[in-house]
Amino acid sequence: MTIAALAGTVGVSMARADKADVVEPLQDLAAFRQASLNKHNEYRELHGVPALQPNKILDDSAQEYAEELAQKNEGKITNGGERYFEHSDKKARTSADDGENLTYSATTETLKDASAVATNAVEGWYNEIKDYNFKTGKHLPGHEQKAIGHFTQVVWKGSTELGCGAATTPVKLKNQDGELQNATAVFVVCRYAPGGNITISGHGVTDEYQLYKENVLPKP
């Protein structure tokens, strides 16, 4: 049994926890981060924008928040309305305008390796492309309730640096019969500098989504 959170994200398989009260970094964070970077840059190349560079400050900040999310959800019923899943109000650097993408999933199944966790997370964010209108910088007509901000941040031309983190924790899942099962959730956080998804407003502005058109480019 597997669940995934956030519209457009892809679920990943995680191992059942052996004991309660455990919040841990995802095993092999180095492989996870490299796979995250590689997948981001694979997609960015498709859109003709420069590759992201790894940033340790962003890595550490993302990991700290991934573990905070895991701690807040330890033992909760993640598909039963108990989960905590909000963007952080903390920045990696006090003067930085960091962007942030989040996703999580939970399952009773076998753990996939760290690279697969990263790849699935970034693929899920990128798949929001199907709801994005490159001409307007907004949703496609009729898709207004869909998430698109994760996709736009992945390929945002003006973002140059990336840091990612992931942490696991034991949770509960309700099956179709309403019975609780032990499971493990993984929380993935990626942070970007400079952050994307910027609108502009003020005197003389005729198109508040102009920066989307300049930074979220269609495939050639």
C-alpha atoms as a PDB file:
ATOM      1  CA  MET A   1       0.000   0.000   0.000  1.00  0.00           C
ATOM      2  CA  THR A   2       1.477   3.314  -1.087  1.00  0.00           C
ATOM      3  CA  ILE A   3       0.232   6.885  -0.985  1.00  0.00           C
ATOM      4  CA  ALA A   4       1.756  10.020  -2.443  1.00  0.00           C
ATOM      5  CA  ALA A   5       1.088  13.632  -1.541  1.00  0.00           C
ATOM      6  CA  LEU A   6       0.929  16.732  -3.749  1.00  0.00           C
ATOM      7  CA  ALA A   7      -0.837  16.714  -7.078  1.00  0.00           C
ATOM      8  CA  GLY A   8       1.575  15.606  -9.758  1.00  0.00           C
ATOM      9  CA  THR A   9       3.991  13.777  -7.506  1.00  0.00           C
ATOM     10  CA  VAL A  10       4.947  10.155  -7.879  1.00  0.00           C
ATOM     11  CA  GLY A  11       4.850   7.730  -4.983  1.00  0.00           C
ATOM     12  CA  VAL A  12       7.987   5.909  -3.860  1.00  0.00           C
ATOM     13  CA  SER A  13       8.178   2.604  -2.054  1.00  0.00           C
ATOM     14  CA  MET A  14       9.493   2.663   1.481  1.00  0.00           C
ATOM     15  CA  ALA A  15      10.351  -0.008   4.033  1.00  0.00           C
ATOM     16  CA  ARG A  16       8.158  -0.735   7.031  1.00  0.00           C
ATOM     17  CA  ALA A  17       9.625   0.723  10.197  1.00  0.00           C
ATOM     18  CA  ASP A  18      11.058  -1.764  12.702  1.00  0.00           C
ATOM     19  CA  LYS A  19      10.575   0.504  15.684  1.00  0.00           C
ATOM     20  CA  ALA A  20       8.648   3.580  16.679  1.00  0.00           C
ATOM     21  CA  ASP A  21       9.943   7.063  17.465  1.00  0.00           C
ATOM     22  CA  VAL A  22      12.512   7.127  14.680  1.00  0.00           C
ATOM     23  CA  VAL A  23      13.324  10.039  12.403  1.00  0.00           C
ATOM     24  CA  GLU A  24      16.312   9.393  10.150  1.00  0.00           C
ATOM     25  CA  PRO A  25      17.999  10.948   7.142  1.00  0.00           C
ATOM     26  CA  LEU A  26      17.382   8.954   3.987  1.00  0.00           C
ATOM     27  CA  GLN A  27      20.121   6.382   3.566  1.00  0.00           C
ATOM     28  CA  ASP A  28      22.883   7.435   1.145  1.00  0.00           C
ATOM     29  CA  LEU A  29      22.136  11.136   1.022  1.00  0.00           C
ATOM     30  CA  ALA A  30      25.071  11.680  -1.347  1.00  0.00           C
ATOM     31  CA  ALA A  31      23.487   9.425  -3.972  1.00  0.00           C
ATOM     32  CA  PHE A  32      20.102  11.028  -3.357  1.00  0.00           C
ATOM     33  CA  ARG A  33      21.474  14.531  -3.869  1.00  0.00           C
ATOM     34  CA  GLN A  34      23.420  13.610  -6.987  1.00  0.00           C
ATOM     35  CA  ALA A  35      20.379  11.944  -8.517  1.00  0.00           C
ATOM     36  CA  SER A  36      18.250  15.001  -7.630  1.00  0.00           C
ATOM     37  CA  LEU A  37      20.754  17.299  -9.303  1.00  0.00           C
ATOM     38  CA  ASN A  38      21.055  15.062 -12.359  1.00  0.00           C
ATOM     39  CA  LYS A  39      17.292  14.814 -12.853  1.00  0.00           C
ATOM     40  CA  HIS A  40      16.778  18.553 -12.451  1.00  0.00           C
ATOM     41  CA  ASN A  41      19.481  19.256 -15.005  1.00  0.00           C
ATOM     42  CA  GLU A  42      18.160  16.641 -17.412  1.00  0.00           C
ATOM     43  CA  TYR A  43      14.847  18.481 -17.497  1.00  0.00           C
ATOM     44  CA  ARG A  44      16.450  21.906 -17.592  1.00  0.00           C
ATOM     45  CA  GLU A  45      18.476  20.893 -20.637  1.00  0.00           C
ATOM     46  CA  LEU A  46      15.229  19.985 -22.413  1.00  0.00           C
ATOM     47  CA  HIS A  47      14.091  23.576 -21.901  1.00  0.00           C
ATOM     48  CA  GLY A  48      17.396  25.150 -22.903  1.00  0.00           C
ATOM     49  CA  VAL A  49      18.237  26.663 -19.500  1.00  0.00           C
ATOM     50  CA  PRO A  50      21.562  26.461 -17.609  1.00  0.00           C
ATOM     51  CA  ALA A  51      22.288  23.562 -15.285  1.00  0.00           C
ATOM     52  CA  LEU A  52      21.924  24.011 -11.532  1.00  0.00           C
ATOM     53  CA  GLN A  53      25.011  23.784  -9.338  1.00  0.00           C
ATOM     54  CA  PRO A  54      25.056  22.018  -5.953  1.00  0.00           C
ATOM     55  CA  ASN A  55      25.139  24.198  -2.854  1.00  0.00           C
ATOM     56  CA  LYS A  56      25.984  22.810   0.586  1.00  0.00           C
ATOM     57  CA  ILE A  57      24.180  25.556   2.471  1.00  0.00           C
ATOM     58  CA  LEU A  58      21.001  24.718   0.586  1.00  0.00           C
ATOM     59  CA  ASP A  59      21.625  20.989   1.111  1.00  0.00           C
ATOM     60  CA  ASP A  60      21.945  21.444   4.866  1.00  0.00           C
ATOM     61  CA  SER A  61      18.929  23.732   5.059  1.00  0.00           C
ATOM     62  CA  ALA A  62      16.777  21.338   3.014  1.00  0.00           C
ATOM     63  CA  GLN A  63      17.857  18.388   5.160  1.00  0.00           C
ATOM     64  CA  GLU A  64      17.050  20.232   8.350  1.00  0.00           C
ATOM     65  CA  TYR A  65      13.541  20.934   7.154  1.00  0.00           C
ATOM     66  CA  ALA A  66      13.015  17.413   5.802  1.00  0.00           C
ATOM     67  CA  GLU A  67      13.836  16.083   9.273  1.00  0.00           C
ATOM     68  CA  GLU A  68      11.534  18.668  10.866  1.00  0.00           C
ATOM     69  CA  LEU A  69       8.664  17.532   8.637  1.00  0.00           C
ATOM     70  CA  ALA A  70       9.422  13.912   9.456  1.00  0.00           C
ATOM     71  CA  GLN A  71       9.455  14.672  13.185  1.00  0.00           C
ATOM     72  CA  LYS A  72       6.119  16.490  13.017  1.00  0.00           C
ATOM     73  CA  ASN A  73       4.537  13.526  11.233  1.00  0.00           C
ATOM     74  CA  GLU A  74       6.019  10.723  13.313  1.00  0.00           C
ATOM     75  CA  GLY A  75       3.291   8.198  14.154  1.00  0.00           C
ATOM     76  CA  LYS A  76       0.530  10.162  12.404  1.00  0.00           C
ATOM     77  CA  ILE A  77      -2.051   8.730  10.019  1.00  0.00           C
ATOM     78  CA  THR A  78      -0.681  10.351   6.876  1.00  0.00           C
ATOM     79  CA  ASN A  79      -3.700   9.516   4.707  1.00  0.00           C
ATOM     80  CA  GLY A  80      -6.219  10.315   7.399  1.00  0.00           C
ATOM     81  CA  GLY A  81      -6.028  14.078   7.786  1.00  0.00           C
ATOM     82  CA  GLU A  82      -3.379  14.141  10.528  1.00  0.00           C
ATOM     83  CA  ARG A  83      -0.347  14.944   8.415  1.00  0.00           C
ATOM     84  CA  TYR A  84       1.596  18.208   8.665  1.00  0.00           C
ATOM     85  CA  PHE A  85       2.851  19.328   5.275  1.00  0.00           C
ATOM     86  CA  GLU A  86       3.565  23.025   4.863  1.00  0.00           C
ATOM     87  CA  HIS A  87       6.325  25.103   3.324  1.00  0.00           C
ATOM     88  CA  SER A  88       8.975  26.367   5.711  1.00  0.00           C
ATOM     89  CA  ASP A  89       9.113  29.996   6.775  1.00  0.00           C
ATOM     90  CA  LYS A  90      12.866  29.659   7.325  1.00  0.00           C
ATOM     91  CA  LYS A  91      15.438  30.499   4.682  1.00  0.00           C
ATOM     92  CA  ALA A  92      18.819  28.892   4.187  1.00  0.00           C
ATOM     93  CA  ARG A  93      20.452  32.331   4.274  1.00  0.00           C
ATOM     94  CA  THR A  94      18.970  35.403   5.879  1.00  0.00           C
ATOM     95  CA  SER A  95      19.418  37.509   2.743  1.00  0.00           C
ATOM     96  CA  ALA A  96      18.454  34.839   0.202  1.00  0.00           C
ATOM     97  CA  ASP A  97      15.196  34.507  -1.700  1.00  0.00           C
ATOM     98  CA  ASP A  98      15.267  30.714  -1.772  1.00  0.00           C
ATOM     99  CA  GLY A  99      12.619  28.682  -3.570  1.00  0.00           C
ATOM    100  CA  GLU A 100      11.348  25.406  -2.137  1.00  0.00           C
ATOM    101  CA  ASN A 101       9.735  22.240  -3.518  1.00  0.00           C
ATOM    102  CA  LEU A 102       8.285  19.582  -1.224  1.00  0.00           C
ATOM    103  CA  THR A 103       6.869  16.108  -1.628  1.00  0.00           C
ATOM    104  CA  TYR A 104       6.272  13.055   0.513  1.00  0.00           C
ATOM    105  CA  SER A 105       5.003   9.518   0.181  1.00  0.00           C
ATOM    106  CA  ALA A 106       4.322   6.626   2.523  1.00  0.00           C
ATOM    107  CA  THR A 107       4.037   2.897   2.035  1.00  0.00           C
ATOM    108  CA  THR A 108       4.300  -0.503   3.681  1.00  0.00           C
ATOM    109  CA  GLU A 109       6.306  -1.840   0.753  1.00  0.00           C
ATOM    110  CA  THR A 110      10.017  -2.351   0.156  1.00  0.00           C
ATOM    111  CA  LEU A 111      12.364   0.626   0.221  1.00  0.00           C
ATOM    112  CA  LYS A 112      13.654   1.824  -3.123  1.00  0.00           C
ATOM    113  CA  ASP A 113      17.214   3.098  -3.257  1.00  0.00           C
ATOM    114  CA  ALA A 114      18.027   6.733  -2.614  1.00  0.00           C
ATOM    115  CA  SER A 115      18.531   7.554  -6.288  1.00  0.00           C
ATOM    116  CA  ALA A 116      15.070   6.243  -7.139  1.00  0.00           C
ATOM    117  CA  VAL A 117      13.528   8.342  -4.364  1.00  0.00           C
ATOM    118  CA  ALA A 118      15.160  11.453  -5.845  1.00  0.00           C
ATOM    119  CA  THR A 119      14.257  10.626  -9.419  1.00  0.00           C
ATOM    120  CA  ASN A 120      10.627   9.935  -8.559  1.00  0.00           C
ATOM    121  CA  ALA A 121      10.310  13.189  -6.627  1.00  0.00           C
ATOM    122  CA  VAL A 122      11.705  15.369  -9.422  1.00  0.00           C
ATOM    123  CA  GLU A 123       9.710  13.499 -12.066  1.00  0.00           C
ATOM    124  CA  GLY A 124       6.561  14.163 -10.083  1.00  0.00           C
ATOM    125  CA  TRP A 125       7.273  17.874  -9.910  1.00  0.00           C
ATOM    126  CA  TYR A 126       8.130  18.067 -13.603  1.00  0.00           C
ATOM    127  CA  ASN A 127       4.975  16.207 -14.640  1.00  0.00           C
ATOM    128  CA  GLU A 128       2.982  19.313 -13.733  1.00  0.00           C
ATOM    129  CA  ILE A 129       4.061  20.573 -17.178  1.00  0.00           C
ATOM    130  CA  LYS A 130       0.836  19.077 -18.537  1.00  0.00           C
ATOM    131  CA  ASP A 131      -1.169  21.776 -16.733  1.00  0.00           C
ATOM    132  CA  TYR A 132       1.051  24.755 -17.602  1.00  0.00           C
ATOM    133  CA  ASN A 133       0.409  27.367 -20.292  1.00  0.00           C
ATOM    134  CA  PHE A 134       3.707  28.704 -21.659  1.00  0.00           C
ATOM    135  CA  LYS A 135       1.960  31.535 -23.501  1.00  0.00           C
ATOM    136  CA  THR A 136       0.416  33.072 -20.371  1.00  0.00           C
ATOM    137  CA  GLY A 137       2.670  31.823 -17.550  1.00  0.00           C
ATOM    138  CA  LYS A 138      -0.412  30.454 -15.817  1.00  0.00           C
ATOM    139  CA  HIS A 139      -2.535  27.312 -15.807  1.00  0.00           C
ATOM    140  CA  LEU A 140      -3.995  25.902 -18.970  1.00  0.00           C
ATOM    141  CA  PRO A 141      -7.718  26.773 -19.220  1.00  0.00           C
ATOM    142  CA  GLY A 142      -9.711  24.328 -17.136  1.00  0.00           C
ATOM    143  CA  HIS A 143      -6.639  23.235 -15.142  1.00  0.00           C
ATOM    144  CA  GLU A 144      -6.750  26.017 -12.556  1.00  0.00           C
ATOM    145  CA  GLN A 145      -7.051  23.613  -9.618  1.00  0.00           C
ATOM    146  CA  LYS A 146      -3.881  21.739 -10.559  1.00  0.00           C
ATOM    147  CA  ALA A 147      -0.433  22.399  -9.098  1.00  0.00           C
ATOM    148  CA  ILE A 148       2.130  23.912 -11.492  1.00  0.00           C
ATOM    149  CA  GLY A 149       4.559  25.724  -9.184  1.00  0.00           C
ATOM    150  CA  HIS A 150       6.809  22.726  -8.616  1.00  0.00           C
ATOM    151  CA  PHE A 151       7.374  22.331 -12.370  1.00  0.00           C
ATOM    152  CA  THR A 152       8.057  26.005 -12.930  1.00  0.00           C
ATOM    153  CA  GLN A 153      10.649  26.046 -10.130  1.00  0.00           C
ATOM    154  CA  VAL A 154      12.433  22.974 -11.512  1.00  0.00           C
ATOM    155  CA  VAL A 155      13.059  24.680 -14.872  1.00  0.00           C
ATOM    156  CA  TRP A 156      13.187  28.338 -13.743  1.00  0.00           C
ATOM    157  CA  LYS A 157      15.976  29.850 -15.816  1.00  0.00           C
ATOM    158  CA  GLY A 158      17.104  32.351 -13.189  1.00  0.00           C
ATOM    159  CA  SER A 159      17.709  29.724 -10.493  1.00  0.00           C
ATOM    160  CA  THR A 160      21.349  28.683 -10.424  1.00  0.00           C
ATOM    161  CA  GLU A 161      21.881  26.578  -7.273  1.00  0.00           C
ATOM    162  CA  LEU A 162      20.197  23.545  -5.729  1.00  0.00           C
ATOM    163  CA  GLY A 163      20.199  21.754  -2.389  1.00  0.00           C
ATOM    164  CA  CYS A 164      18.064  18.772  -1.399  1.00  0.00           C
ATOM    165  CA  GLY A 165      17.340  16.692   1.678  1.00  0.00           C
ATOM    166  CA  ALA A 166      15.202  13.709   2.642  1.00  0.00           C
ATOM    167  CA  ALA A 167      14.173  12.037   5.886  1.00  0.00           C
ATOM    168  CA  THR A 168      12.049   9.065   6.907  1.00  0.00           C
ATOM    169  CA  THR A 169       9.753   8.379   9.835  1.00  0.00           C
ATOM    170  CA  PRO A 170       7.273   5.673  10.882  1.00  0.00           C
ATOM    171  CA  VAL A 171       3.643   6.542  10.210  1.00  0.00           C
ATOM    172  CA  LYS A 172       0.255   4.863   9.969  1.00  0.00           C
ATOM    173  CA  LEU A 173      -1.803   4.248   6.837  1.00  0.00           C
ATOM    174  CA  LYS A 174      -5.479   3.413   6.607  1.00  0.00           C
ATOM    175  CA  ASN A 175      -6.313   0.643   4.166  1.00  0.00           C
ATOM    176  CA  GLN A 176      -9.561   0.421   2.216  1.00  0.00           C
ATOM    177  CA  ASP A 177     -11.256  -1.201   5.197  1.00  0.00           C
ATOM    178  CA  GLY A 178     -10.203   1.613   7.516  1.00  0.00           C
ATOM    179  CA  GLU A 179      -7.649  -0.542   9.314  1.00  0.00           C
ATOM    180  CA  LEU A 180      -4.353   1.042  10.393  1.00  0.00           C
ATOM    181  CA  GLN A 181      -1.110  -0.355   9.055  1.00  0.00           C
ATOM    182  CA  ASN A 182       2.469   0.423   9.996  1.00  0.00           C
ATOM    183  CA  ALA A 183       4.293   2.254   7.236  1.00  0.00           C
ATOM    184  CA  THR A 184       7.247   4.536   6.585  1.00  0.00           C
ATOM    185  CA  ALA A 185       7.021   8.004   5.093  1.00  0.00           C
ATOM    186  CA  VAL A 186       9.773   9.864   3.292  1.00  0.00           C
ATOM    187  CA  PHE A 187       9.825  13.656   3.103  1.00  0.00           C
ATOM    188  CA  VAL A 188      11.770  15.302   0.280  1.00  0.00           C
ATOM    189  CA  VAL A 189      12.766  18.969   0.294  1.00  0.00           C
ATOM    190  CA  CYS A 190      14.654  20.804  -2.463  1.00  0.00           C
ATOM    191  CA  ARG A 191      15.695  24.436  -2.227  1.00  0.00           C
ATOM    192  CA  TYR A 192      16.714  26.756  -5.045  1.00  0.00           C
ATOM    193  CA  ALA A 193      18.666  29.999  -5.223  1.00  0.00           C
ATOM    194  CA  PRO A 194      17.694  32.438  -6.444  1.00  0.00           C
ATOM    195  CA  GLY A 195      14.115  31.298  -5.975  1.00  0.00           C
ATOM    196  CA  GLY A 196      11.722  31.237  -8.914  1.00  0.00           C
ATOM    197  CA  ASN A 197       7.960  31.649  -9.318  1.00  0.00           C
ATOM    198  CA  ILE A 198       8.073  35.434  -9.117  1.00  0.00           C
ATOM    199  CA  THR A 199       5.241  37.691 -10.224  1.00  0.00           C
ATOM    200  CA  ILE A 200       5.594  41.444 -10.568  1.00  0.00           C
ATOM    201  CA  SER A 201       3.113  44.159  -9.736  1.00  0.00           C
ATOM    202  CA  GLY A 202       3.011  47.884  -9.267  1.00  0.00           C
ATOM    203  CA  HIS A 203       2.679  51.072 -11.231  1.00  0.00           C
ATOM    204  CA  GLY A 204       3.001  50.553 -14.969  1.00  0.00           C
ATOM    205  CA  VAL A 205       3.073  46.738 -14.848  1.00  0.00           C
ATOM    206  CA  THR A 206       0.947  45.317 -17.652  1.00  0.00           C
ATOM    207  CA  ASP A 207       1.736  41.618 -17.195  1.00  0.00           C
ATOM    208  CA  GLU A 208       2.441  40.339 -13.685  1.00  0.00           C
ATOM    209  CA  TYR A 209       3.457  36.958 -15.148  1.00  0.00           C
ATOM    210  CA  GLN A 210       6.150  38.387 -17.416  1.00  0.00           C
ATOM    211  CA  LEU A 211       8.939  36.753 -15.385  1.00  0.00           C
ATOM    212  CA  TYR A 212       7.324  33.344 -15.880  1.00  0.00           C
ATOM    213  CA  LYS A 213       7.453  33.861 -19.641  1.00  0.00           C
ATOM    214  CA  GLU A 214      11.111  34.845 -19.395  1.00  0.00           C
ATOM    215  CA  ASN A 215      12.166  32.028 -17.066  1.00  0.00           C
ATOM    216  CA  VAL A 216       9.901  29.063 -17.874  1.00  0.00           C
ATOM    217  CA  LEU A 217      10.731  28.295 -21.476  1.00  0.00           C
ATOM    218  CA  PRO A 218       9.055  25.740 -23.731  1.00  0.00           C
ATOM    219  CA  LYS A 219      11.097  22.944 -25.253  1.00  0.00           C
ATOM    220  CA  PRO A 220      12.748  24.081 -28.482  1.00  0.00           C
END
